Amino acid sequence: MNVFGKSLFQPEYRILKKAFEEQLPKEAIVRLFDNETEIMNLNISLIKHLEEIAKNQTDRSDIECKFFDSASDVPDPNDLSLEKKNLMVFDDLLLQRQNKCAAYYTRGRHTDVDSFYLAQNYLKLPRQTIRENANFVCLFPQDMRNINHIYSDHISSDVAKDEFRTLGKTAWNKRHGCVVIHLTIKKDNGKYRVCLDTFYMPNWILKKAG
């Protein structure tokens, strides 16, 4: 797993980095973030709490995680091992040159790497390299300009605009809710979802994913 971003000083990334350094398994890391509020209410530093967990943890993860804040340090997708499952996360990079990010979206699939791009503005993402090579789009609350462009790019042939806006409101009323668009499958087979587990079906039927 590799993370390239300009906000690696944020507590979430510091915790994540420390957790992987301690070789905590994925399940333990998820539980750590699930309990964040409780831990903070007890005035216990998450890093300290993480170290205590690591001392008592018998299972160790073999996931290697690297963090980069400079594009020059990010490996080319062709340099990643084909013997491993590779994940690349790009975060908070809209003001940076997009060459490295674009390389992963245009060539990464040939080297078995999945890429995630976290961005505040859909329109600022390069269209021909990143937007048109994405398989999933996860939308958190958006302004109308971005909604209109997302609708035009991916949705207009399937769903009326008012319907799509209603779907957005339904998703965003949930805590951490998002609209998920799976771009490689048909509209009646889970293309549209509220979060990851609830399918949007025609005639406004929401069905839990089986």
N, C-alpha and C. Protein backbone atom coordinates (compact mmCIF):
# COMPACT_ATOMS: atom_id res chain seq x y z
N MET A 1 0.85 -1.19 0.00
CA MET A 1 0.00 0.00 0.00
C MET A 1 0.88 1.24 0.00
N ASN A 2 0.57 2.20 -0.87
CA ASN A 2 1.29 3.46 -0.94
C ASN A 2 0.31 4.62 -0.83
N VAL A 3 0.70 5.66 -0.13
CA VAL A 3 -0.13 6.85 0.02
C VAL A 3 0.70 8.06 -0.38
N PHE A 4 0.19 8.84 -1.32
CA PHE A 4 0.84 10.07 -1.75
C PHE A 4 -0.11 11.22 -1.47
N GLY A 5 0.32 12.15 -0.61
CA GLY A 5 -0.56 13.26 -0.26
C GLY A 5 0.20 14.41 0.36
N LYS A 6 -0.49 15.53 0.46
CA LYS A 6 0.10 16.73 1.05
C LYS A 6 -0.48 17.02 2.43
N SER A 7 -1.26 16.08 2.96
CA SER A 7 -1.87 16.28 4.28
C SER A 7 -1.55 15.12 5.21
N LEU A 8 -0.36 14.57 5.08
CA LEU A 8 0.00 13.39 5.87
C LEU A 8 0.22 13.72 7.34
N PHE A 9 0.20 15.01 7.67
CA PHE A 9 0.31 15.43 9.07
C PHE A 9 -1.00 15.24 9.83
N GLN A 10 -2.10 14.98 9.13
CA GLN A 10 -3.40 14.82 9.78
C GLN A 10 -3.37 13.63 10.72
N PRO A 11 -4.12 13.71 11.85
CA PRO A 11 -4.09 12.63 12.84
C PRO A 11 -4.41 11.25 12.26
N GLU A 12 -5.38 11.21 11.32
CA GLU A 12 -5.77 9.91 10.76
C GLU A 12 -4.60 9.23 10.06
N TYR A 13 -3.81 10.01 9.32
CA TYR A 13 -2.67 9.42 8.64
C TYR A 13 -1.56 9.05 9.62
N ARG A 14 -1.37 9.85 10.64
CA ARG A 14 -0.36 9.53 11.64
C ARG A 14 -0.70 8.21 12.33
N ILE A 15 -1.98 8.05 12.64
CA ILE A 15 -2.42 6.81 13.28
C ILE A 15 -2.25 5.63 12.33
N LEU A 16 -2.66 5.82 11.08
CA LEU A 16 -2.55 4.75 10.09
C LEU A 16 -1.09 4.34 9.89
N LYS A 17 -0.21 5.33 9.76
CA LYS A 17 1.21 5.05 9.56
C LYS A 17 1.77 4.27 10.74
N LYS A 18 1.46 4.71 11.95
CA LYS A 18 1.94 4.03 13.15
C LYS A 18 1.39 2.60 13.23
N ALA A 19 0.14 2.42 12.87
CA ALA A 19 -0.48 1.10 12.93
C ALA A 19 0.22 0.12 12.00
N PHE A 20 0.55 0.56 10.79
CA PHE A 20 1.24 -0.33 9.86
C PHE A 20 2.68 -0.57 10.29
N GLU A 21 3.31 0.44 10.88
CA GLU A 21 4.66 0.25 11.40
C GLU A 21 4.69 -0.81 12.50
N GLU A 22 3.62 -0.85 13.29
CA GLU A 22 3.51 -1.84 14.36
C GLU A 22 3.00 -3.19 13.85
N GLN A 23 2.75 -3.27 12.55
CA GLN A 23 2.30 -4.50 11.90
C GLN A 23 0.97 -5.02 12.45
N LEU A 24 0.10 -4.07 12.80
CA LEU A 24 -1.22 -4.48 13.25
C LEU A 24 -2.02 -5.04 12.09
N PRO A 25 -2.81 -6.09 12.30
CA PRO A 25 -3.66 -6.61 11.23
C PRO A 25 -4.77 -5.62 10.90
N LYS A 26 -5.34 -5.77 9.71
CA LYS A 26 -6.36 -4.83 9.24
C LYS A 26 -7.53 -4.73 10.21
N GLU A 27 -7.94 -5.86 10.77
CA GLU A 27 -9.10 -5.87 11.67
C GLU A 27 -8.84 -5.00 12.90
N ALA A 28 -7.62 -5.04 13.41
CA ALA A 28 -7.29 -4.24 14.59
C ALA A 28 -7.28 -2.75 14.26
N ILE A 29 -6.84 -2.40 13.04
CA ILE A 29 -6.83 -1.00 12.63
C ILE A 29 -8.25 -0.47 12.49
N VAL A 30 -9.13 -1.28 11.90
CA VAL A 30 -10.53 -0.88 11.76
C VAL A 30 -11.15 -0.66 13.13
N ARG A 31 -10.90 -1.56 14.06
CA ARG A 31 -11.45 -1.41 15.41
C ARG A 31 -10.92 -0.16 16.08
N LEU A 32 -9.66 0.17 15.81
CA LEU A 32 -9.07 1.37 16.39
C LEU A 32 -9.83 2.62 15.96
N PHE A 33 -10.14 2.71 14.68
CA PHE A 33 -10.87 3.88 14.19
C PHE A 33 -12.33 3.84 14.61
N ASP A 34 -12.90 2.65 14.75
CA ASP A 34 -14.27 2.54 15.25
C ASP A 34 -14.39 3.10 16.66
N ASN A 35 -13.32 2.97 17.45
CA ASN A 35 -13.34 3.37 18.85
C ASN A 35 -12.71 4.74 19.10
N GLU A 36 -12.49 5.50 18.03
CA GLU A 36 -11.77 6.76 18.17
C GLU A 36 -12.45 7.71 19.15
N THR A 37 -13.77 7.87 19.03
CA THR A 37 -14.48 8.81 19.90
C THR A 37 -14.37 8.38 21.35
N GLU A 38 -14.57 7.10 21.60
CA GLU A 38 -14.48 6.59 22.96
C GLU A 38 -13.08 6.82 23.55
N ILE A 39 -12.07 6.56 22.76
CA ILE A 39 -10.71 6.72 23.23
C ILE A 39 -10.43 8.18 23.55
N MET A 40 -10.87 9.09 22.66
CA MET A 40 -10.64 10.51 22.90
C MET A 40 -11.37 11.01 24.12
N ASN A 41 -12.55 10.47 24.37
CA ASN A 41 -13.32 10.87 25.55
C ASN A 41 -12.63 10.46 26.85
N LEU A 42 -11.81 9.41 26.75
CA LEU A 42 -11.05 8.96 27.91
C LEU A 42 -9.72 9.69 28.04
N ASN A 43 -9.50 10.66 27.13
CA ASN A 43 -8.29 11.46 27.13
C ASN A 43 -7.03 10.60 26.97
N ILE A 44 -7.16 9.54 26.19
CA ILE A 44 -6.02 8.67 25.91
C ILE A 44 -5.54 8.97 24.49
N SER A 45 -4.28 9.23 24.33
CA SER A 45 -3.73 9.46 23.01
C SER A 45 -3.92 8.22 22.16
N LEU A 46 -4.41 8.41 20.93
CA LEU A 46 -4.60 7.27 20.05
C LEU A 46 -3.28 6.57 19.76
N ILE A 47 -2.22 7.33 19.64
CA ILE A 47 -0.92 6.72 19.38
C ILE A 47 -0.50 5.86 20.56
N LYS A 48 -0.69 6.37 21.78
CA LYS A 48 -0.36 5.59 22.98
C LYS A 48 -1.22 4.34 23.05
N HIS A 49 -2.50 4.51 22.76
CA HIS A 49 -3.42 3.38 22.78
C HIS A 49 -2.99 2.34 21.74
N LEU A 50 -2.57 2.80 20.58
CA LEU A 50 -2.14 1.91 19.52
C LEU A 50 -0.91 1.12 19.97
N GLU A 51 0.02 1.77 20.64
CA GLU A 51 1.22 1.08 21.11
C GLU A 51 0.87 0.00 22.12
N GLU A 52 -0.14 0.27 22.97
CA GLU A 52 -0.57 -0.73 23.94
C GLU A 52 -1.20 -1.93 23.23
N ILE A 53 -1.98 -1.66 22.20
CA ILE A 53 -2.58 -2.74 21.42
C ILE A 53 -1.48 -3.60 20.79
N ALA A 54 -0.46 -2.93 20.24
CA ALA A 54 0.61 -3.65 19.55
C ALA A 54 1.38 -4.57 20.49
N LYS A 55 1.54 -4.15 21.75
CA LYS A 55 2.28 -4.97 22.72
C LYS A 55 1.59 -6.30 22.96
N ASN A 56 0.25 -6.28 22.91
CA ASN A 56 -0.52 -7.48 23.22
C ASN A 56 -1.00 -8.22 21.97
N GLN A 57 -0.58 -7.75 20.80
CA GLN A 57 -1.06 -8.34 19.56
C GLN A 57 -0.15 -9.50 19.14
N THR A 58 -0.73 -10.67 19.02
CA THR A 58 0.07 -11.83 18.60
C THR A 58 0.11 -11.95 17.08
N ASP A 59 -1.01 -11.63 16.42
CA ASP A 59 -1.04 -11.69 14.96
C ASP A 59 -0.37 -10.44 14.38
N ARG A 60 0.47 -10.64 13.40
CA ARG A 60 1.17 -9.53 12.77
C ARG A 60 0.85 -9.48 11.28
N SER A 61 0.63 -8.27 10.80
CA SER A 61 0.32 -8.09 9.38
C SER A 61 1.61 -8.05 8.56
N ASP A 62 1.52 -8.56 7.33
CA ASP A 62 2.67 -8.47 6.42
C ASP A 62 2.46 -7.39 5.37
N ILE A 63 1.47 -6.51 5.61
CA ILE A 63 1.20 -5.42 4.66
C ILE A 63 2.28 -4.35 4.80
N GLU A 64 2.88 -4.00 3.69
CA GLU A 64 3.88 -2.94 3.68
C GLU A 64 3.22 -1.66 3.22
N CYS A 65 3.35 -0.60 4.02
CA CYS A 65 2.70 0.68 3.72
C CYS A 65 3.74 1.79 3.70
N LYS A 66 3.75 2.55 2.61
CA LYS A 66 4.69 3.66 2.48
C LYS A 66 3.92 4.96 2.24
N PHE A 67 4.43 6.05 2.78
CA PHE A 67 3.80 7.35 2.66
C PHE A 67 4.77 8.31 1.96
N PHE A 68 4.24 9.07 1.00
CA PHE A 68 5.06 9.99 0.21
C PHE A 68 4.42 11.38 0.19
N ASP A 69 5.23 12.41 0.34
CA ASP A 69 4.72 13.77 0.18
C ASP A 69 5.36 14.49 -1.00
N SER A 70 6.16 13.76 -1.77
CA SER A 70 6.79 14.32 -2.96
C SER A 70 6.59 13.37 -4.14
N ALA A 71 6.16 13.91 -5.27
CA ALA A 71 5.90 13.08 -6.45
C ALA A 71 7.15 12.35 -6.92
N SER A 72 8.31 12.96 -6.72
CA SER A 72 9.55 12.33 -7.19
C SER A 72 9.85 11.04 -6.44
N ASP A 73 9.28 10.87 -5.25
CA ASP A 73 9.53 9.66 -4.46
C ASP A 73 8.54 8.54 -4.76
N VAL A 74 7.44 8.87 -5.41
CA VAL A 74 6.41 7.88 -5.70
C VAL A 74 6.90 6.94 -6.79
N PRO A 75 6.88 5.63 -6.56
CA PRO A 75 7.38 4.70 -7.59
C PRO A 75 6.50 4.72 -8.83
N ASP A 76 7.11 4.47 -9.97
CA ASP A 76 6.35 4.31 -11.20
C ASP A 76 5.55 3.01 -11.09
N PRO A 77 4.32 2.97 -11.63
CA PRO A 77 3.55 1.73 -11.52
C PRO A 77 4.25 0.52 -12.11
N ASN A 78 5.10 0.72 -13.10
CA ASN A 78 5.83 -0.40 -13.70
C ASN A 78 6.87 -1.00 -12.75
N ASP A 79 7.22 -0.25 -11.69
CA ASP A 79 8.24 -0.72 -10.75
C ASP A 79 7.64 -1.52 -9.59
N LEU A 80 6.32 -1.60 -9.52
CA LEU A 80 5.68 -2.35 -8.44
C LEU A 80 5.73 -3.85 -8.72
N SER A 81 5.81 -4.61 -7.66
CA SER A 81 5.92 -6.06 -7.80
C SER A 81 4.60 -6.66 -8.29
N LEU A 82 4.69 -7.50 -9.31
CA LEU A 82 3.52 -8.20 -9.82
C LEU A 82 3.12 -9.36 -8.91
N GLU A 83 3.96 -9.69 -7.96
CA GLU A 83 3.67 -10.79 -7.05
C GLU A 83 2.86 -10.34 -5.83
N LYS A 84 2.60 -9.05 -5.73
CA LYS A 84 1.86 -8.50 -4.60
C LYS A 84 0.59 -7.81 -5.08
N LYS A 85 -0.37 -7.71 -4.17
CA LYS A 85 -1.53 -6.86 -4.42
C LYS A 85 -1.14 -5.43 -4.07
N ASN A 86 -1.26 -4.53 -5.02
CA ASN A 86 -0.80 -3.16 -4.81
C ASN A 86 -1.96 -2.18 -4.75
N LEU A 87 -1.86 -1.25 -3.83
CA LEU A 87 -2.87 -0.20 -3.67
C LEU A 87 -2.16 1.14 -3.62
N MET A 88 -2.69 2.12 -4.38
CA MET A 88 -2.13 3.47 -4.39
C MET A 88 -3.23 4.45 -4.04
N VAL A 89 -2.98 5.31 -3.05
CA VAL A 89 -3.95 6.32 -2.63
C VAL A 89 -3.36 7.70 -2.88
N PHE A 90 -4.10 8.52 -3.63
CA PHE A 90 -3.72 9.91 -3.86
C PHE A 90 -4.68 10.81 -3.09
N ASP A 91 -4.15 11.73 -2.32
CA ASP A 91 -5.01 12.57 -1.48
C ASP A 91 -4.54 14.01 -1.49
N ASP A 92 -5.51 14.93 -1.69
CA ASP A 92 -5.25 16.36 -1.56
C ASP A 92 -4.15 16.84 -2.52
N LEU A 93 -4.30 16.48 -3.80
CA LEU A 93 -3.24 16.77 -4.77
C LEU A 93 -3.72 17.62 -5.94
N LEU A 94 -4.88 18.22 -5.85
CA LEU A 94 -5.42 18.96 -6.99
C LEU A 94 -4.57 20.15 -7.39
N LEU A 95 -3.77 20.67 -6.48
CA LEU A 95 -2.92 21.82 -6.80
C LEU A 95 -1.54 21.38 -7.29
N GLN A 96 -1.32 20.08 -7.38
CA GLN A 96 -0.03 19.55 -7.82
C GLN A 96 -0.12 19.11 -9.28
N ARG A 97 1.03 18.90 -9.89
CA ARG A 97 1.06 18.31 -11.23
C ARG A 97 0.49 16.90 -11.15
N GLN A 98 -0.27 16.51 -12.16
CA GLN A 98 -1.00 15.26 -12.12
C GLN A 98 -0.32 14.12 -12.87
N ASN A 99 0.91 14.32 -13.33
CA ASN A 99 1.58 13.31 -14.15
C ASN A 99 1.67 11.96 -13.47
N LYS A 100 2.09 11.95 -12.19
CA LYS A 100 2.26 10.69 -11.49
C LYS A 100 0.92 10.01 -11.26
N CYS A 101 -0.09 10.80 -10.89
CA CYS A 101 -1.42 10.23 -10.68
C CYS A 101 -1.96 9.66 -11.99
N ALA A 102 -1.79 10.40 -13.06
CA ALA A 102 -2.30 9.96 -14.36
C ALA A 102 -1.64 8.66 -14.79
N ALA A 103 -0.36 8.48 -14.48
CA ALA A 103 0.34 7.26 -14.85
C ALA A 103 -0.31 6.04 -14.22
N TYR A 104 -0.77 6.17 -13.00
CA TYR A 104 -1.40 5.04 -12.33
C TYR A 104 -2.76 4.73 -12.93
N TYR A 105 -3.48 5.75 -13.34
CA TYR A 105 -4.81 5.51 -13.91
C TYR A 105 -4.75 5.02 -15.35
N THR A 106 -3.70 5.33 -16.06
CA THR A 106 -3.60 4.88 -17.45
C THR A 106 -2.80 3.59 -17.59
N ARG A 107 -1.85 3.34 -16.67
CA ARG A 107 -1.00 2.15 -16.80
C ARG A 107 -1.05 1.21 -15.61
N GLY A 108 -1.69 1.65 -14.52
CA GLY A 108 -1.66 0.87 -13.29
C GLY A 108 -2.34 -0.48 -13.39
N ARG A 109 -3.42 -0.57 -14.15
CA ARG A 109 -4.14 -1.84 -14.25
C ARG A 109 -3.30 -2.93 -14.88
N HIS A 110 -2.32 -2.55 -15.69
CA HIS A 110 -1.44 -3.53 -16.33
C HIS A 110 -0.42 -4.11 -15.35
N THR A 111 -0.24 -3.43 -14.22
CA THR A 111 0.69 -3.92 -13.19
C THR A 111 -0.07 -4.30 -11.92
N ASP A 112 -1.37 -4.56 -12.06
CA ASP A 112 -2.20 -5.07 -10.97
C ASP A 112 -2.19 -4.15 -9.75
N VAL A 113 -2.43 -2.86 -9.99
CA VAL A 113 -2.50 -1.91 -8.88
C VAL A 113 -3.84 -1.20 -8.92
N ASP A 114 -4.52 -1.13 -7.78
CA ASP A 114 -5.76 -0.38 -7.64
C ASP A 114 -5.43 1.01 -7.12
N SER A 115 -6.07 2.02 -7.69
CA SER A 115 -5.78 3.40 -7.31
C SER A 115 -7.04 4.10 -6.80
N PHE A 116 -6.87 4.90 -5.74
CA PHE A 116 -7.93 5.74 -5.20
C PHE A 116 -7.46 7.18 -5.23
N TYR A 117 -8.32 8.07 -5.71
CA TYR A 117 -7.99 9.50 -5.72
C TYR A 117 -9.03 10.22 -4.87
N LEU A 118 -8.58 10.82 -3.77
CA LEU A 118 -9.46 11.59 -2.89
C LEU A 118 -9.35 13.05 -3.27
N ALA A 119 -10.47 13.65 -3.70
CA ALA A 119 -10.43 15.02 -4.21
C ALA A 119 -11.66 15.80 -3.76
N GLN A 120 -11.49 17.09 -3.56
CA GLN A 120 -12.59 17.96 -3.17
C GLN A 120 -13.40 18.43 -4.37
N ASN A 121 -12.81 18.38 -5.55
CA ASN A 121 -13.46 18.95 -6.73
C ASN A 121 -13.34 17.99 -7.90
N TYR A 122 -14.46 17.46 -8.36
CA TYR A 122 -14.48 16.52 -9.48
C TYR A 122 -13.97 17.16 -10.77
N LEU A 123 -14.37 18.39 -11.02
CA LEU A 123 -14.04 19.05 -12.29
C LEU A 123 -12.55 19.28 -12.48
N LYS A 124 -11.81 19.42 -11.38
CA LYS A 124 -10.39 19.69 -11.51
C LYS A 124 -9.56 18.43 -11.78
N LEU A 125 -10.19 17.27 -11.69
CA LEU A 125 -9.48 16.04 -12.04
C LEU A 125 -9.31 15.95 -13.55
N PRO A 126 -8.14 15.57 -14.03
CA PRO A 126 -7.95 15.43 -15.48
C PRO A 126 -8.95 14.45 -16.08
N ARG A 127 -9.64 14.88 -17.10
CA ARG A 127 -10.73 14.08 -17.65
C ARG A 127 -10.24 12.83 -18.38
N GLN A 128 -9.32 12.99 -19.32
CA GLN A 128 -8.94 11.88 -20.19
C GLN A 128 -8.10 10.82 -19.49
N THR A 129 -7.41 11.19 -18.42
CA THR A 129 -6.55 10.22 -17.76
C THR A 129 -7.19 9.63 -16.50
N ILE A 130 -7.71 10.46 -15.63
CA ILE A 130 -8.22 9.97 -14.34
C ILE A 130 -9.73 9.74 -14.39
N ARG A 131 -10.49 10.75 -14.76
CA ARG A 131 -11.96 10.60 -14.72
C ARG A 131 -12.45 9.50 -15.65
N GLU A 132 -11.87 9.38 -16.82
CA GLU A 132 -12.37 8.41 -17.79
C GLU A 132 -11.80 7.01 -17.57
N ASN A 133 -10.85 6.86 -16.66
CA ASN A 133 -10.28 5.54 -16.37
C ASN A 133 -10.71 5.02 -15.01
N ALA A 134 -11.58 5.77 -14.31
CA ALA A 134 -12.06 5.31 -13.01
C ALA A 134 -13.17 4.29 -13.19
N ASN A 135 -13.21 3.29 -12.32
CA ASN A 135 -14.28 2.29 -12.32
C ASN A 135 -15.36 2.59 -11.29
N PHE A 136 -14.97 3.23 -10.19
CA PHE A 136 -15.90 3.60 -9.13
C PHE A 136 -15.83 5.11 -8.91
N VAL A 137 -16.97 5.73 -8.67
CA VAL A 137 -17.02 7.12 -8.23
C VAL A 137 -17.82 7.14 -6.92
N CYS A 138 -17.20 7.62 -5.86
CA CYS A 138 -17.87 7.73 -4.56
C CYS A 138 -18.06 9.22 -4.27
N LEU A 139 -19.33 9.63 -4.16
CA LEU A 139 -19.66 11.06 -4.03
C LEU A 139 -20.16 11.38 -2.64
N PHE A 140 -19.46 12.26 -1.98
CA PHE A 140 -19.94 12.87 -0.75
C PHE A 140 -20.58 14.20 -1.13
N PRO A 141 -21.18 14.94 -0.22
CA PRO A 141 -21.92 16.16 -0.61
C PRO A 141 -21.14 17.05 -1.56
N GLN A 142 -21.82 17.44 -2.65
CA GLN A 142 -21.21 18.20 -3.73
C GLN A 142 -22.00 19.48 -4.00
N ASP A 143 -21.31 20.48 -4.57
CA ASP A 143 -22.04 21.64 -5.02
C ASP A 143 -22.72 21.33 -6.35
N MET A 144 -23.66 22.18 -6.76
CA MET A 144 -24.47 21.89 -7.93
C MET A 144 -23.64 21.81 -9.22
N ARG A 145 -22.60 22.59 -9.32
CA ARG A 145 -21.76 22.58 -10.53
C ARG A 145 -21.13 21.20 -10.72
N ASN A 146 -20.57 20.65 -9.66
CA ASN A 146 -19.97 19.32 -9.75
C ASN A 146 -21.02 18.26 -10.00
N ILE A 147 -22.17 18.37 -9.34
CA ILE A 147 -23.24 17.40 -9.54
C ILE A 147 -23.67 17.38 -11.00
N ASN A 148 -23.83 18.55 -11.61
CA ASN A 148 -24.26 18.61 -13.01
C ASN A 148 -23.26 17.94 -13.95
N HIS A 149 -21.97 18.15 -13.67
CA HIS A 149 -20.96 17.54 -14.53
C HIS A 149 -20.87 16.03 -14.32
N ILE A 150 -20.99 15.58 -13.09
CA ILE A 150 -20.99 14.15 -12.81
C ILE A 150 -22.19 13.49 -13.48
N TYR A 151 -23.33 14.16 -13.39
CA TYR A 151 -24.54 13.65 -14.03
C TYR A 151 -24.34 13.53 -15.54
N SER A 152 -23.78 14.56 -16.13
CA SER A 152 -23.56 14.56 -17.59
C SER A 152 -22.57 13.49 -18.02
N ASP A 153 -21.53 13.28 -17.23
CA ASP A 153 -20.48 12.33 -17.59
C ASP A 153 -20.94 10.88 -17.47
N HIS A 154 -21.73 10.56 -16.44
CA HIS A 154 -21.94 9.16 -16.09
C HIS A 154 -23.39 8.69 -15.95
N ILE A 155 -24.34 9.60 -15.84
CA ILE A 155 -25.66 9.19 -15.34
C ILE A 155 -26.81 9.53 -16.27
N SER A 156 -26.67 10.52 -17.12
CA SER A 156 -27.80 11.09 -17.87
C SER A 156 -28.57 10.07 -18.68
N SER A 157 -27.91 9.01 -19.14
CA SER A 157 -28.61 8.01 -19.96
C SER A 157 -29.41 7.02 -19.12
N ASP A 158 -29.25 7.05 -17.81
CA ASP A 158 -29.90 6.06 -16.94
C ASP A 158 -31.02 6.63 -16.07
N VAL A 159 -30.79 7.81 -15.51
CA VAL A 159 -31.64 8.33 -14.44
C VAL A 159 -31.94 9.81 -14.70
N ALA A 160 -33.18 10.22 -14.46
CA ALA A 160 -33.52 11.64 -14.57
C ALA A 160 -32.74 12.46 -13.54
N LYS A 161 -32.44 13.70 -13.87
CA LYS A 161 -31.61 14.53 -12.99
C LYS A 161 -32.24 14.72 -11.62
N ASP A 162 -33.56 14.95 -11.56
CA ASP A 162 -34.22 15.12 -10.27
C ASP A 162 -34.10 13.85 -9.42
N GLU A 163 -34.20 12.69 -10.09
CA GLU A 163 -34.03 11.43 -9.38
C GLU A 163 -32.64 11.32 -8.77
N PHE A 164 -31.65 11.70 -9.57
CA PHE A 164 -30.27 11.61 -9.09
C PHE A 164 -30.05 12.54 -7.90
N ARG A 165 -30.61 13.73 -7.96
CA ARG A 165 -30.48 14.65 -6.83
C ARG A 165 -31.13 14.09 -5.58
N THR A 166 -32.28 13.43 -5.76
CA THR A 166 -32.95 12.81 -4.61
C THR A 166 -32.12 11.67 -4.04
N LEU A 167 -31.48 10.91 -4.93
CA LEU A 167 -30.60 9.84 -4.48
C LEU A 167 -29.46 10.41 -3.65
N GLY A 168 -28.91 11.53 -4.10
CA GLY A 168 -27.85 12.18 -3.35
C GLY A 168 -28.31 12.61 -1.96
N LYS A 169 -29.48 13.21 -1.88
CA LYS A 169 -30.01 13.65 -0.59
C LYS A 169 -30.23 12.46 0.34
N THR A 170 -30.72 11.35 -0.23
CA THR A 170 -30.94 10.15 0.57
C THR A 170 -29.63 9.65 1.16
N ALA A 171 -28.58 9.61 0.34
CA ALA A 171 -27.28 9.12 0.80
C ALA A 171 -26.65 10.07 1.80
N TRP A 172 -26.71 11.36 1.52
CA TRP A 172 -25.98 12.33 2.34
C TRP A 172 -26.68 12.64 3.66
N ASN A 173 -27.91 12.18 3.81
CA ASN A 173 -28.57 12.30 5.11
C ASN A 173 -28.04 11.29 6.11
N LYS A 174 -27.33 10.28 5.63
CA LYS A 174 -26.72 9.29 6.51
C LYS A 174 -25.37 9.79 7.00
N ARG A 175 -24.96 9.36 8.17
CA ARG A 175 -23.64 9.73 8.68
C ARG A 175 -22.58 9.08 7.79
N HIS A 176 -21.69 9.89 7.25
CA HIS A 176 -20.65 9.45 6.33
C HIS A 176 -21.25 8.84 5.05
N GLY A 177 -22.46 9.22 4.72
CA GLY A 177 -23.14 8.64 3.56
C GLY A 177 -22.58 9.16 2.25
N CYS A 178 -22.60 8.30 1.23
CA CYS A 178 -22.13 8.69 -0.10
C CYS A 178 -22.92 7.96 -1.16
N VAL A 179 -22.92 8.53 -2.36
CA VAL A 179 -23.46 7.86 -3.54
C VAL A 179 -22.30 7.17 -4.23
N VAL A 180 -22.47 5.89 -4.53
CA VAL A 180 -21.44 5.12 -5.22
C VAL A 180 -21.94 4.77 -6.62
N ILE A 181 -21.12 5.04 -7.62
CA ILE A 181 -21.45 4.70 -9.00
C ILE A 181 -20.41 3.71 -9.50
N HIS A 182 -20.87 2.49 -9.77
CA HIS A 182 -20.00 1.44 -10.30
C HIS A 182 -20.10 1.52 -11.83
N LEU A 183 -19.11 2.08 -12.46
CA LEU A 183 -19.21 2.46 -13.87
C LEU A 183 -19.11 1.30 -14.84
N THR A 184 -18.75 0.12 -14.37
CA THR A 184 -18.53 -0.99 -15.30
C THR A 184 -19.66 -2.00 -15.32
N ILE A 185 -20.77 -1.73 -14.59
CA ILE A 185 -21.89 -2.66 -14.61
C ILE A 185 -23.18 -1.93 -14.95
N LYS A 186 -24.25 -2.69 -15.20
CA LYS A 186 -25.51 -2.13 -15.65
C LYS A 186 -26.29 -1.50 -14.50
N LYS A 187 -27.20 -0.58 -14.87
CA LYS A 187 -27.94 0.18 -13.87
C LYS A 187 -28.84 -0.68 -13.00
N ASP A 188 -29.30 -1.84 -13.51
CA ASP A 188 -30.20 -2.69 -12.72
C ASP A 188 -29.45 -3.80 -11.99
N ASN A 189 -28.12 -3.67 -11.92
CA ASN A 189 -27.32 -4.71 -11.27
C ASN A 189 -26.36 -4.14 -10.24
N GLY A 190 -26.75 -2.99 -9.66
CA GLY A 190 -25.91 -2.41 -8.61
C GLY A 190 -25.01 -1.29 -9.06
N LYS A 191 -25.27 -0.71 -10.22
CA LYS A 191 -24.44 0.40 -10.68
C LYS A 191 -24.50 1.57 -9.71
N TYR A 192 -25.70 1.84 -9.16
CA TYR A 192 -25.89 2.96 -8.24
C TYR A 192 -26.15 2.42 -6.84
N ARG A 193 -25.50 3.03 -5.85
CA ARG A 193 -25.62 2.55 -4.48
C ARG A 193 -25.62 3.72 -3.51
N VAL A 194 -26.28 3.48 -2.37
CA VAL A 194 -26.15 4.36 -1.22
C VAL A 194 -25.11 3.71 -0.32
N CYS A 195 -23.98 4.39 -0.12
CA CYS A 195 -22.80 3.77 0.48
C CYS A 195 -22.43 2.56 -0.37
N LEU A 196 -21.94 1.50 0.21
CA LEU A 196 -21.52 0.36 -0.59
C LEU A 196 -22.50 -0.81 -0.53
N ASP A 197 -23.44 -0.76 0.41
CA ASP A 197 -24.23 -1.96 0.66
C ASP A 197 -25.69 -1.86 0.27
N THR A 198 -26.13 -0.72 -0.26
CA THR A 198 -27.55 -0.57 -0.61
C THR A 198 -27.66 -0.15 -2.07
N PHE A 199 -28.24 -1.02 -2.89
CA PHE A 199 -28.38 -0.74 -4.31
C PHE A 199 -29.55 0.21 -4.56
N TYR A 200 -29.37 1.11 -5.52
CA TYR A 200 -30.49 1.89 -6.03
C TYR A 200 -31.02 1.18 -7.26
N MET A 201 -32.32 0.87 -7.25
CA MET A 201 -32.96 0.20 -8.37
C MET A 201 -33.99 1.16 -8.99
N PRO A 202 -34.44 0.90 -10.21
CA PRO A 202 -35.47 1.76 -10.83
C PRO A 202 -36.70 1.88 -9.94
N ASN A 203 -37.41 2.99 -10.11
CA ASN A 203 -38.62 3.29 -9.32
C ASN A 203 -38.33 3.48 -7.84
N TRP A 204 -37.12 3.91 -7.55
CA TRP A 204 -36.74 4.26 -6.18
C TRP A 204 -36.91 3.13 -5.19
N ILE A 205 -36.39 1.98 -5.57
CA ILE A 205 -36.32 0.85 -4.64
C ILE A 205 -34.87 0.76 -4.15
N LEU A 206 -34.67 0.81 -2.84
CA LEU A 206 -33.35 0.64 -2.27
C LEU A 206 -33.27 -0.77 -1.71
N LYS A 207 -32.31 -1.54 -2.18
CA LYS A 207 -32.21 -2.96 -1.83
C LYS A 207 -30.82 -3.25 -1.27
N LYS A 208 -30.79 -3.88 -0.11
CA LYS A 208 -29.52 -4.25 0.48
C LYS A 208 -28.75 -5.20 -0.42
N ALA A 209 -27.46 -4.94 -0.59
CA ALA A 209 -26.64 -5.82 -1.42
C ALA A 209 -26.54 -7.18 -0.76
N GLY A 210 -26.73 -8.26 -1.55
CA GLY A 210 -26.67 -9.60 -1.01
C GLY A 210 -25.27 -10.18 -1.09
